[in-house]
């Protein structure tokens, strides 16, 4: 895939603010990608919840404008890119067969 790859931050770097707010990235100092607060939800439920899942899928599909408010303007290279094999594992684990097929197609691989 040419261009921007999915950012590892959405999978590997939950950041907890001093007040318990959780975001996806250490660069998100304004908490634009706030997932919730640890006073109301556990880190596990926030990090595996529907909001971040939809942002991860958007990243995989190359829809960075839909992958969290802080993501479109981010220097995603700070967190690094999420490895292709881990993306495939995530999509398989979450049952996203259609997204997986699209992703592999864009990667130039067979989907069967």
PDB file of N, CA and C in Angstrom:
ATOM      1  N   UNK A   1       0.849  -1.169   0.000  1.00  0.00           N
ATOM      2  CA  UNK A   1       0.000   0.000   0.000  1.00  0.00           C
ATOM      3  C   UNK A   1       0.895   1.231   0.000  1.00  0.00           C
ATOM      4  N   UNK A   2       0.649   2.111  -0.907  1.00  0.00           N
ATOM      5  CA  UNK A   2       1.432   3.336  -0.970  1.00  0.00           C
ATOM      6  C   UNK A   2       0.875   4.343   0.025  1.00  0.00           C
ATOM      7  N   UNK A   3       1.739   5.204   0.529  1.00  0.00           N
ATOM      8  CA  UNK A   3       1.283   6.258   1.410  1.00  0.00           C
ATOM      9  C   UNK A   3       1.243   5.843   2.868  1.00  0.00           C
ATOM     10  N   UNK A   4       0.384   6.491   3.565  1.00  0.00           N
ATOM     11  CA  UNK A   4       0.285   6.325   5.012  1.00  0.00           C
ATOM     12  C   UNK A   4      -0.239   4.945   5.405  1.00  0.00           C
ATOM     13  N   UNK A   5       0.407   4.367   6.390  1.00  0.00           N
ATOM     14  CA  UNK A   5       0.014   3.065   6.940  1.00  0.00           C
ATOM     15  C   UNK A   5      -0.714   3.280   8.271  1.00  0.00           C
ATOM     16  N   UNK A   6      -1.449   2.281   8.749  1.00  0.00           N
ATOM     17  CA  UNK A   6      -2.106   2.414  10.049  1.00  0.00           C
ATOM     18  C   UNK A   6      -1.094   2.681  11.173  1.00  0.00           C
ATOM     19  N   UNK A   7      -1.469   3.551  12.065  1.00  0.00           N
ATOM     20  CA  UNK A   7      -0.607   3.957  13.179  1.00  0.00           C
ATOM     21  C   UNK A   7      -0.677   2.938  14.310  1.00  0.00           C
ATOM     22  N   UNK A   8       0.475   2.579  14.823  1.00  0.00           N
ATOM     23  CA  UNK A   8       0.540   1.626  15.936  1.00  0.00           C
ATOM     24  C   UNK A   8      -0.090   2.186  17.207  1.00  0.00           C
ATOM     25  N   UNK A   9      -0.187   3.488  17.311  1.00  0.00           N
ATOM     26  CA  UNK A   9      -0.739   4.101  18.510  1.00  0.00           C
ATOM     27  C   UNK A   9      -2.123   3.613  18.877  1.00  0.00           C
ATOM     28  N   UNK A  10      -2.947   3.355  17.883  1.00  0.00           N
ATOM     29  CA  UNK A  10      -4.308   2.916  18.164  1.00  0.00           C
ATOM     30  C   UNK A  10      -4.382   1.481  18.690  1.00  0.00           C
ATOM     31  N   UNK A  11      -3.286   0.777  18.656  1.00  0.00           N
ATOM     32  CA  UNK A  11      -3.246  -0.587  19.181  1.00  0.00           C
ATOM     33  C   UNK A  11      -2.326  -0.715  20.398  1.00  0.00           C
ATOM     34  N   UNK A  12      -1.299   0.120  20.466  1.00  0.00           N
ATOM     35  CA  UNK A  12      -0.236  -0.148  21.428  1.00  0.00           C
ATOM     36  C   UNK A  12       0.052   0.931  22.463  1.00  0.00           C
ATOM     37  N   UNK A  13      -0.546   2.109  22.362  1.00  0.00           N
ATOM     38  CA  UNK A  13      -0.140   3.153  23.300  1.00  0.00           C
ATOM     39  C   UNK A  13      -1.311   3.870  23.962  1.00  0.00           C
ATOM     40  N   UNK A  14      -2.103   3.191  24.778  1.00  0.00           N
ATOM     41  CA  UNK A  14      -3.107   3.945  25.518  1.00  0.00           C
ATOM     42  C   UNK A  14      -2.409   4.920  26.452  1.00  0.00           C
ATOM     43  N   UNK A  15      -2.928   6.114  26.545  1.00  0.00           N
ATOM     44  CA  UNK A  15      -2.339   7.132  27.400  1.00  0.00           C
ATOM     45  C   UNK A  15      -3.408   7.582  28.391  1.00  0.00           C
ATOM     46  N   UNK A  16      -3.032   7.575  29.676  1.00  0.00           N
ATOM     47  CA  UNK A  16      -3.946   7.986  30.732  1.00  0.00           C
ATOM     48  C   UNK A  16      -3.505   9.346  31.257  1.00  0.00           C
ATOM     49  N   UNK A  17      -4.402  10.308  31.186  1.00  0.00           N
ATOM     50  CA  UNK A  17      -4.156  11.649  31.697  1.00  0.00           C
ATOM     51  C   UNK A  17      -4.253  11.629  33.230  1.00  0.00           C
ATOM     52  N   UNK A  18      -3.744  12.639  33.867  1.00  0.00           N
ATOM     53  CA  UNK A  18      -3.757  12.720  35.331  1.00  0.00           C
ATOM     54  C   UNK A  18      -5.169  12.639  35.915  1.00  0.00           C
ATOM     55  N   UNK A  19      -6.190  13.032  35.142  1.00  0.00           N
ATOM     56  CA  UNK A  19      -7.566  13.009  35.640  1.00  0.00           C
ATOM     57  C   UNK A  19      -8.309  11.712  35.290  1.00  0.00           C
ATOM     58  N   UNK A  20      -7.599  10.757  34.675  1.00  0.00           N
ATOM     59  CA  UNK A  20      -8.212   9.482  34.330  1.00  0.00           C
ATOM     60  C   UNK A  20      -8.720   9.382  32.909  1.00  0.00           C
ATOM     61  N   UNK A  21      -8.682  10.479  32.155  1.00  0.00           N
ATOM     62  CA  UNK A  21      -9.087  10.418  30.754  1.00  0.00           C
ATOM     63  C   UNK A  21      -8.097   9.556  29.979  1.00  0.00           C
ATOM     64  N   UNK A  22      -8.617   8.767  29.045  1.00  0.00           N
ATOM     65  CA  UNK A  22      -7.786   7.869  28.240  1.00  0.00           C
ATOM     66  C   UNK A  22      -7.869   8.304  26.784  1.00  0.00           C
ATOM     67  N   UNK A  23      -6.699   8.408  26.155  1.00  0.00           N
ATOM     68  CA  UNK A  23      -6.611   8.730  24.738  1.00  0.00           C
ATOM     69  C   UNK A  23      -5.722   7.692  24.052  1.00  0.00           C
ATOM     70  N   UNK A  24      -5.579   7.828  22.757  1.00  0.00           N
ATOM     71  CA  UNK A  24      -4.872   6.829  21.955  1.00  0.00           C
ATOM     72  C   UNK A  24      -3.401   7.139  21.719  1.00  0.00           C
ATOM     73  N   UNK A  25      -2.941   8.306  22.159  1.00  0.00           N
ATOM     74  CA  UNK A  25      -1.606   8.719  21.728  1.00  0.00           C
ATOM     75  C   UNK A  25      -1.005   9.751  22.660  1.00  0.00           C
ATOM     76  N   UNK A  26       0.297   9.656  22.880  1.00  0.00           N
ATOM     77  CA  UNK A  26       0.987  10.627  23.732  1.00  0.00           C
ATOM     78  C   UNK A  26       1.058  12.005  23.089  1.00  0.00           C
ATOM     79  N   UNK A  27       0.860  12.088  21.785  1.00  0.00           N
ATOM     80  CA  UNK A  27       0.866  13.380  21.098  1.00  0.00           C
ATOM     81  C   UNK A  27      -0.472  14.107  21.232  1.00  0.00           C
ATOM     82  N   UNK A  28      -1.477  13.422  21.725  1.00  0.00           N
ATOM     83  CA  UNK A  28      -2.828  13.981  21.835  1.00  0.00           C
ATOM     84  C   UNK A  28      -2.981  14.727  23.164  1.00  0.00           C
ATOM     85  N   UNK A  29      -2.242  15.819  23.323  1.00  0.00           N
ATOM     86  CA  UNK A  29      -2.250  16.560  24.582  1.00  0.00           C
ATOM     87  C   UNK A  29      -3.578  17.276  24.831  1.00  0.00           C
ATOM     88  N   UNK A  30      -4.344  17.512  23.788  1.00  0.00           N
ATOM     89  CA  UNK A  30      -5.652  18.166  23.945  1.00  0.00           C
ATOM     90  C   UNK A  30      -6.779  17.149  24.124  1.00  0.00           C
ATOM     91  N   UNK A  31      -6.418  15.867  24.182  1.00  0.00           N
ATOM     92  CA  UNK A  31      -7.385  14.785  24.412  1.00  0.00           C
ATOM     93  C   UNK A  31      -8.498  14.748  23.351  1.00  0.00           C
ATOM     94  N   UNK A  32      -8.132  15.036  22.101  1.00  0.00           N
ATOM     95  CA  UNK A  32      -9.110  14.971  21.013  1.00  0.00           C
ATOM     96  C   UNK A  32      -9.608  13.548  20.800  1.00  0.00           C
ATOM     97  N   UNK A  33      -8.735  12.571  20.996  1.00  0.00           N
ATOM     98  CA  UNK A  33      -9.099  11.164  20.802  1.00  0.00           C
ATOM     99  C   UNK A  33      -9.515  10.493  22.117  1.00  0.00           C
ATOM    100  N   UNK A  34     -10.114  11.260  22.976  1.00  0.00           N
ATOM    101  CA  UNK A  34     -10.527  10.725  24.278  1.00  0.00           C
ATOM    102  C   UNK A  34     -11.503   9.565  24.093  1.00  0.00           C
ATOM    103  N   UNK A  35     -11.160   8.452  24.722  1.00  0.00           N
ATOM    104  CA  UNK A  35     -12.011   7.257  24.665  1.00  0.00           C
ATOM    105  C   UNK A  35     -12.981   7.203  25.834  1.00  0.00           C
ATOM    106  N   UNK A  36     -12.628   7.818  26.920  1.00  0.00           N
ATOM    107  CA  UNK A  36     -13.445   7.790  28.127  1.00  0.00           C
ATOM    108  C   UNK A  36     -12.585   8.088  29.329  1.00  0.00           C
ATOM    109  N   UNK A  37     -13.131   7.789  30.503  1.00  0.00           N
ATOM    110  CA  UNK A  37     -12.435   8.081  31.747  1.00  0.00           C
ATOM    111  C   UNK A  37     -12.428   6.844  32.626  1.00  0.00           C
ATOM    112  N   UNK A  38     -11.299   6.614  33.277  1.00  0.00           N
ATOM    113  CA  UNK A  38     -11.162   5.432  34.128  1.00  0.00           C
ATOM    114  C   UNK A  38     -12.056   5.487  35.366  1.00  0.00           C
ATOM    115  N   UNK A  39     -12.599   6.638  35.671  1.00  0.00           N
ATOM    116  CA  UNK A  39     -13.560   6.744  36.762  1.00  0.00           C
ATOM    117  C   UNK A  39     -14.906   6.133  36.408  1.00  0.00           C
ATOM    118  N   UNK A  40     -15.182   6.003  35.114  1.00  0.00           N
ATOM    119  CA  UNK A  40     -16.453   5.437  34.655  1.00  0.00           C
ATOM    120  C   UNK A  40     -16.308   4.058  34.003  1.00  0.00           C
ATOM    121  N   UNK A  41     -15.151   3.781  33.401  1.00  0.00           N
ATOM    122  CA  UNK A  41     -14.945   2.513  32.688  1.00  0.00           C
ATOM    123  C   UNK A  41     -13.527   2.008  32.916  1.00  0.00           C
ATOM    124  N   UNK A  42     -13.362   0.712  32.754  1.00  0.00           N
ATOM    125  CA  UNK A  42     -12.024   0.129  32.880  1.00  0.00           C
ATOM    126  C   UNK A  42     -11.205   0.398  31.621  1.00  0.00           C
ATOM    127  N   UNK A  43      -9.900   0.351  31.782  1.00  0.00           N
ATOM    128  CA  UNK A  43      -9.019   0.513  30.631  1.00  0.00           C
ATOM    129  C   UNK A  43      -9.289  -0.575  29.597  1.00  0.00           C
ATOM    130  N   UNK A  44      -9.514  -1.783  30.041  1.00  0.00           N
ATOM    131  CA  UNK A  44      -9.796  -2.892  29.116  1.00  0.00           C
ATOM    132  C   UNK A  44     -11.043  -2.593  28.290  1.00  0.00           C
ATOM    133  N   UNK A  45     -12.119  -2.140  28.933  1.00  0.00           N
ATOM    134  CA  UNK A  45     -13.345  -1.883  28.170  1.00  0.00           C
ATOM    135  C   UNK A  45     -13.168  -0.712  27.204  1.00  0.00           C
ATOM    136  N   UNK A  46     -12.418   0.293  27.596  1.00  0.00           N
ATOM    137  CA  UNK A  46     -12.158   1.415  26.688  1.00  0.00           C
ATOM    138  C   UNK A  46     -11.276   0.995  25.525  1.00  0.00           C
ATOM    139  N   UNK A  47     -10.231   0.216  25.824  1.00  0.00           N
ATOM    140  CA  UNK A  47      -9.248  -0.166  24.810  1.00  0.00           C
ATOM    141  C   UNK A  47      -9.774  -1.245  23.871  1.00  0.00           C
ATOM    142  N   UNK A  48     -10.840  -1.907  24.255  1.00  0.00           N
ATOM    143  CA  UNK A  48     -11.458  -2.918  23.392  1.00  0.00           C
ATOM    144  C   UNK A  48     -12.860  -2.517  22.955  1.00  0.00           C
ATOM    145  N   UNK A  49     -13.229  -1.290  23.195  1.00  0.00           N
ATOM    146  CA  UNK A  49     -14.583  -0.821  22.936  1.00  0.00           C
ATOM    147  C   UNK A  49     -14.870  -0.476  21.487  1.00  0.00           C
ATOM    148  N   UNK A  50     -16.136  -0.170  21.224  1.00  0.00           N
ATOM    149  CA  UNK A  50     -16.575   0.112  19.853  1.00  0.00           C
ATOM    150  C   UNK A  50     -15.977   1.372  19.238  1.00  0.00           C
ATOM    151  N   UNK A  51     -15.715   2.395  20.055  1.00  0.00           N
ATOM    152  CA  UNK A  51     -15.165   3.639  19.498  1.00  0.00           C
ATOM    153  C   UNK A  51     -13.783   3.390  18.907  1.00  0.00           C
ATOM    154  N   UNK A  52     -12.898   2.790  19.688  1.00  0.00           N
ATOM    155  CA  UNK A  52     -11.537   2.577  19.179  1.00  0.00           C
ATOM    156  C   UNK A  52     -11.526   1.522  18.072  1.00  0.00           C
ATOM    157  N   UNK A  53     -12.425   0.557  18.155  1.00  0.00           N
ATOM    158  CA  UNK A  53     -12.505  -0.441  17.073  1.00  0.00           C
ATOM    159  C   UNK A  53     -12.846   0.248  15.752  1.00  0.00           C
ATOM    160  N   UNK A  54     -13.812   1.146  15.778  1.00  0.00           N
ATOM    161  CA  UNK A  54     -14.181   1.840  14.532  1.00  0.00           C
ATOM    162  C   UNK A  54     -13.029   2.703  14.027  1.00  0.00           C
ATOM    163  N   UNK A  55     -12.269   3.311  14.945  1.00  0.00           N
ATOM    164  CA  UNK A  55     -11.107   4.110  14.530  1.00  0.00           C
ATOM    165  C   UNK A  55     -10.018   3.222  13.940  1.00  0.00           C
ATOM    166  N   UNK A  56      -9.818   2.047  14.513  1.00  0.00           N
ATOM    167  CA  UNK A  56      -8.819   1.112  13.975  1.00  0.00           C
ATOM    168  C   UNK A  56      -9.210   0.662  12.574  1.00  0.00           C
ATOM    169  N   UNK A  57     -10.480   0.339  12.388  1.00  0.00           N
ATOM    170  CA  UNK A  57     -10.953  -0.084  11.062  1.00  0.00           C
ATOM    171  C   UNK A  57     -10.754   1.053  10.060  1.00  0.00           C
ATOM    172  N   UNK A  58     -11.071   2.274  10.454  1.00  0.00           N
ATOM    173  CA  UNK A  58     -10.862   3.421   9.562  1.00  0.00           C
ATOM    174  C   UNK A  58      -9.396   3.555   9.177  1.00  0.00           C
ATOM    175  N   UNK A  59      -8.489   3.368  10.140  1.00  0.00           N
ATOM    176  CA  UNK A  59      -7.053   3.418   9.838  1.00  0.00           C
ATOM    177  C   UNK A  59      -6.685   2.350   8.819  1.00  0.00           C
ATOM    178  N   UNK A  60      -7.168   1.143   9.037  1.00  0.00           N
ATOM    179  CA  UNK A  60      -6.851   0.030   8.137  1.00  0.00           C
ATOM    180  C   UNK A  60      -7.361   0.310   6.734  1.00  0.00           C
ATOM    181  N   UNK A  61      -8.523   0.941   6.632  1.00  0.00           N
ATOM    182  CA  UNK A  61      -9.106   1.260   5.330  1.00  0.00           C
ATOM    183  C   UNK A  61      -8.501   2.517   4.702  1.00  0.00           C
ATOM    184  N   UNK A  62      -7.584   3.160   5.428  1.00  0.00           N
ATOM    185  CA  UNK A  62      -6.968   4.380   4.895  1.00  0.00           C
ATOM    186  C   UNK A  62      -7.837   5.603   5.066  1.00  0.00           C
ATOM    187  N   UNK A  63      -8.865   5.530   5.923  1.00  0.00           N
ATOM    188  CA  UNK A  63      -9.780   6.647   6.179  1.00  0.00           C
ATOM    189  C   UNK A  63      -9.346   7.381   7.440  1.00  0.00           C
ATOM    190  N   UNK A  64      -8.212   8.031   7.374  1.00  0.00           N
ATOM    191  CA  UNK A  64      -7.620   8.676   8.537  1.00  0.00           C
ATOM    192  C   UNK A  64      -8.473   9.829   9.049  1.00  0.00           C
ATOM    193  N   UNK A  65      -9.308  10.384   8.168  1.00  0.00           N
ATOM    194  CA  UNK A  65     -10.228  11.440   8.574  1.00  0.00           C
ATOM    195  C   UNK A  65     -11.338  10.916   9.478  1.00  0.00           C
ATOM    196  N   UNK A  66     -11.497   9.594   9.539  1.00  0.00           N
ATOM    197  CA  UNK A  66     -12.534   8.980  10.365  1.00  0.00           C
ATOM    198  C   UNK A  66     -11.940   8.124  11.487  1.00  0.00           C
ATOM    199  N   UNK A  67     -10.663   8.297  11.757  1.00  0.00           N
ATOM    200  CA  UNK A  67      -9.998   7.409  12.704  1.00  0.00           C
ATOM    201  C   UNK A  67      -9.635   8.094  14.018  1.00  0.00           C
ATOM    202  N   UNK A  68     -10.411   9.042  14.394  1.00  0.00           N
ATOM    203  CA  UNK A  68     -10.171   9.793  15.619  1.00  0.00           C
ATOM    204  C   UNK A  68      -9.877  11.232  15.271  1.00  0.00           C
ATOM    205  N   UNK A  69     -10.428  12.177  16.005  1.00  0.00           N
ATOM    206  CA  UNK A  69     -10.278  13.594  15.674  1.00  0.00           C
ATOM    207  C   UNK A  69      -8.836  14.078  15.576  1.00  0.00           C
ATOM    208  N   UNK A  70      -7.920  13.477  16.322  1.00  0.00           N
ATOM    209  CA  UNK A  70      -6.521  13.919  16.296  1.00  0.00           C
ATOM    210  C   UNK A  70      -5.737  13.307  15.136  1.00  0.00           C
ATOM    211  N   UNK A  71      -6.245  12.264  14.532  1.00  0.00           N
ATOM    212  CA  UNK A  71      -5.474  11.493  13.552  1.00  0.00           C
ATOM    213  C   UNK A  71      -5.226  12.164  12.196  1.00  0.00           C
ATOM    214  N   UNK A  72      -6.173  12.871  11.624  1.00  0.00           N
ATOM    215  CA  UNK A  72      -5.921  13.427  10.287  1.00  0.00           C
ATOM    216  C   UNK A  72      -4.708  14.348  10.198  1.00  0.00           C
ATOM    217  N   UNK A  73      -4.429  15.091  11.249  1.00  0.00           N
ATOM    218  CA  UNK A  73      -3.339  16.061  11.227  1.00  0.00           C
ATOM    219  C   UNK A  73      -2.080  15.580  11.943  1.00  0.00           C
ATOM    220  N   UNK A  74      -2.047  14.300  12.280  1.00  0.00           N
ATOM    221  CA  UNK A  74      -0.969  13.768  13.112  1.00  0.00           C
ATOM    222  C   UNK A  74       0.279  13.396  12.309  1.00  0.00           C
ATOM    223  N   UNK A  75       1.420  13.506  12.979  1.00  0.00           N
ATOM    224  CA  UNK A  75       2.659  12.944  12.466  1.00  0.00           C
ATOM    225  C   UNK A  75       2.701  11.500  12.958  1.00  0.00           C
ATOM    226  N   UNK A  76       1.979  10.636  12.270  1.00  0.00           N
ATOM    227  CA  UNK A  76       1.804   9.245  12.687  1.00  0.00           C
ATOM    228  C   UNK A  76       3.129   8.490  12.809  1.00  0.00           C
ATOM    229  N   UNK A  77       4.184   8.993  12.241  1.00  0.00           N
ATOM    230  CA  UNK A  77       5.471   8.302  12.272  1.00  0.00           C
ATOM    231  C   UNK A  77       6.061   8.251  13.679  1.00  0.00           C
ATOM    232  N   UNK A  78       5.591   9.110  14.571  1.00  0.00           N
ATOM    233  CA  UNK A  78       6.096   9.114  15.948  1.00  0.00           C
ATOM    234  C   UNK A  78       5.824   7.793  16.647  1.00  0.00           C
ATOM    235  N   UNK A  79       4.637   7.238  16.446  1.00  0.00           N
ATOM    236  CA  UNK A  79       4.275   5.962  17.074  1.00  0.00           C
ATOM    237  C   UNK A  79       4.708   4.778  16.218  1.00  0.00           C
ATOM    238  N   UNK A  80       4.995   5.024  14.976  1.00  0.00           N
ATOM    239  CA  UNK A  80       5.340   3.940  14.059  1.00  0.00           C
ATOM    240  C   UNK A  80       4.092   3.350  13.418  1.00  0.00           C
ATOM    241  N   UNK A  81       4.312   2.481  12.478  1.00  0.00           N
ATOM    242  CA  UNK A  81       3.181   1.845  11.809  1.00  0.00           C
ATOM    243  C   UNK A  81       2.909   0.485  12.437  1.00  0.00           C
ATOM    244  N   UNK A  82       1.655   0.086  12.368  1.00  0.00           N
ATOM    245  CA  UNK A  82       1.259  -1.202  12.921  1.00  0.00           C
ATOM    246  C   UNK A  82       1.582  -2.268  11.879  1.00  0.00           C
ATOM    247  N   UNK A  83       2.282  -3.330  12.259  1.00  0.00           N
ATOM    248  CA  UNK A  83       2.717  -4.348  11.288  1.00  0.00           C
ATOM    249  C   UNK A  83       1.550  -5.054  10.593  1.00  0.00           C
ATOM    250  N   UNK A  84       1.748  -5.371   9.340  1.00  0.00           N
ATOM    251  CA  UNK A  84       0.716  -6.008   8.538  1.00  0.00           C
ATOM    252  C   UNK A  84       0.214  -7.307   9.183  1.00  0.00           C
ATOM    253  N   UNK A  85       1.105  -8.137   9.691  1.00  0.00           N
ATOM    254  CA  UNK A  85       0.667  -9.414  10.270  1.00  0.00           C
ATOM    255  C   UNK A  85      -0.230  -9.181  11.482  1.00  0.00           C
ATOM    256  N   UNK A  86       0.036  -8.114  12.252  1.00  0.00           N
ATOM    257  CA  UNK A  86      -0.796  -7.811  13.404  1.00  0.00           C
ATOM    258  C   UNK A  86      -2.155  -7.259  12.975  1.00  0.00           C
ATOM    259  N   UNK A  87      -2.173  -6.516  11.887  1.00  0.00           N
ATOM    260  CA  UNK A  87      -3.445  -6.033  11.345  1.00  0.00           C
ATOM    261  C   UNK A  87      -4.301  -7.226  10.923  1.00  0.00           C
ATOM    262  N   UNK A  88      -3.694  -8.164  10.222  1.00  0.00           N
ATOM    263  CA  UNK A  88      -4.409  -9.365   9.787  1.00  0.00           C
ATOM    264  C   UNK A  88      -4.942 -10.130  11.000  1.00  0.00           C
ATOM    265  N   UNK A  89      -4.113 -10.303  12.016  1.00  0.00           N
ATOM    266  CA  UNK A  89      -4.538 -11.002  13.239  1.00  0.00           C
ATOM    267  C   UNK A  89      -5.711 -10.274  13.898  1.00  0.00           C
ATOM    268  N   UNK A  90      -5.635  -8.952  13.975  1.00  0.00           N
ATOM    269  CA  UNK A  90      -6.709  -8.163  14.586  1.00  0.00           C
ATOM    270  C   UNK A  90      -8.016  -8.344  13.823  1.00  0.00           C
ATOM    271  N   UNK A  91      -7.948  -8.253  12.510  1.00  0.00           N
ATOM    272  CA  UNK A  91      -9.159  -8.383  11.701  1.00  0.00           C
ATOM    273  C   UNK A  91      -9.752  -9.786  11.792  1.00  0.00           C
ATOM    274  N   UNK A  92      -8.909 -10.787  11.831  1.00  0.00           N
ATOM    275  CA  UNK A  92      -9.393 -12.161  12.005  1.00  0.00           C
ATOM    276  C   UNK A  92     -10.042 -12.334  13.375  1.00  0.00           C
ATOM    277  N   UNK A  93      -9.401 -11.826  14.402  1.00  0.00           N
ATOM    278  CA  UNK A  93      -9.896 -11.957  15.771  1.00  0.00           C
ATOM    279  C   UNK A  93     -11.230 -11.243  15.967  1.00  0.00           C
ATOM    280  N   UNK A  94     -11.405 -10.121  15.302  1.00  0.00           N
ATOM    281  CA  UNK A  94     -12.625  -9.332  15.472  1.00  0.00           C
ATOM    282  C   UNK A  94     -13.697  -9.669  14.435  1.00  0.00           C
ATOM    283  N   UNK A  95     -13.429 -10.642  13.570  1.00  0.00           N
ATOM    284  CA  UNK A  95     -14.432 -11.088  12.604  1.00  0.00           C
ATOM    285  C   UNK A  95     -14.700 -10.115  11.475  1.00  0.00           C
ATOM    286  N   UNK A  96     -13.731  -9.310  11.140  1.00  0.00           N
ATOM    287  CA  UNK A  96     -13.884  -8.307  10.074  1.00  0.00           C
ATOM    288  C   UNK A  96     -13.421  -8.868   8.736  1.00  0.00           C
ATOM    289  N   UNK A  97     -14.109  -9.901   8.246  1.00  0.00           N
ATOM    290  CA  UNK A  97     -13.697 -10.600   7.021  1.00  0.00           C
ATOM    291  C   UNK A  97     -13.684  -9.679   5.799  1.00  0.00           C
ATOM    292  N   UNK A  98     -14.682  -8.841   5.662  1.00  0.00           N
ATOM    293  CA  UNK A  98     -14.754  -7.951   4.490  1.00  0.00           C
ATOM    294  C   UNK A  98     -13.600  -6.937   4.512  1.00  0.00           C
ATOM    295  N   UNK A  99     -13.332  -6.370   5.672  1.00  0.00           N
ATOM    296  CA  UNK A  99     -12.228  -5.414   5.797  1.00  0.00           C
ATOM    297  C   UNK A  99     -10.907  -6.118   5.541  1.00  0.00           C
ATOM    298  N   UNK A 100     -10.771  -7.342   6.042  1.00  0.00           N
ATOM    299  CA  UNK A 100      -9.553  -8.118   5.812  1.00  0.00           C
ATOM    300  C   UNK A 100      -9.337  -8.358   4.323  1.00  0.00           C
ATOM    301  N   UNK A 101     -10.376  -8.751   3.626  1.00  0.00           N
ATOM    302  CA  UNK A 101     -10.257  -8.989   2.184  1.00  0.00           C
ATOM    303  C   UNK A 101      -9.852  -7.714   1.453  1.00  0.00           C
ATOM    304  N   UNK A 102     -10.455  -6.596   1.830  1.00  0.00           N
ATOM    305  CA  UNK A 102     -10.112  -5.314   1.208  1.00  0.00           C
ATOM    306  C   UNK A 102      -8.661  -4.939   1.515  1.00  0.00           C
ATOM    307  N   UNK A 103      -8.268  -5.111   2.754  1.00  0.00           N
ATOM    308  CA  UNK A 103      -6.903  -4.769   3.160  1.00  0.00           C
ATOM    309  C   UNK A 103      -5.882  -5.611   2.399  1.00  0.00           C
ATOM    310  N   UNK A 104      -6.097  -6.908   2.359  1.00  0.00           N
ATOM    311  CA  UNK A 104      -5.153  -7.783   1.661  1.00  0.00           C
ATOM    312  C   UNK A 104      -5.126  -7.488   0.168  1.00  0.00           C
ATOM    313  N   UNK A 105      -6.268  -7.156  -0.396  1.00  0.00           N
ATOM    314  CA  UNK A 105      -6.327  -6.787  -1.811  1.00  0.00           C
ATOM    315  C   UNK A 105      -5.479  -5.554  -2.080  1.00  0.00           C
ATOM    316  N   UNK A 106      -5.595  -4.573  -1.197  1.00  0.00           N
ATOM    317  CA  UNK A 106      -4.796  -3.351  -1.364  1.00  0.00           C
ATOM    318  C   UNK A 106      -3.313  -3.611  -1.115  1.00  0.00           C
ATOM    319  N   UNK A 107      -3.009  -4.666  -0.372  1.00  0.00           N
ATOM    320  CA  UNK A 107      -1.623  -5.040  -0.122  1.00  0.00           C
ATOM    321  C   UNK A 107      -1.060  -5.876  -1.279  1.00  0.00           C
ATOM    322  N   UNK A 108      -1.929  -6.277  -2.198  1.00  0.00           N
ATOM    323  CA  UNK A 108      -1.494  -7.087  -3.336  1.00  0.00           C
ATOM    324  C   UNK A 108      -1.384  -8.560  -3.021  1.00  0.00           C
ATOM    325  N   UNK A 109      -2.173  -9.035  -2.030  1.00  0.00           N
ATOM    326  CA  UNK A 109      -2.127 -10.439  -1.658  1.00  0.00           C
ATOM    327  C   UNK A 109      -3.463 -11.101  -1.971  1.00  0.00           C
ATOM    328  N   UNK A 110      -3.421 -12.416  -2.076  1.00  0.00           N
ATOM    329  CA  UNK A 110      -4.642 -13.184  -2.277  1.00  0.00           C
ATOM    330  C   UNK A 110      -5.467 -13.161  -1.005  1.00  0.00           C
ATOM    331  N   UNK A 111      -6.783 -13.186  -1.172  1.00  0.00           N
ATOM    332  CA  UNK A 111      -7.675 -13.148  -0.017  1.00  0.00           C
ATOM    333  C   UNK A 111      -8.266 -14.502   0.288  1.00  0.00           C
ATOM    334  N   UNK A 112      -7.884 -15.577  -0.420  1.00  0.00           N
ATOM    335  CA  UNK A 112      -8.443 -16.884  -0.094  1.00  0.00           C
ATOM    336  C   UNK A 112      -7.423 -17.828   0.476  1.00  0.00           C
TER     337      UNK A 112
END
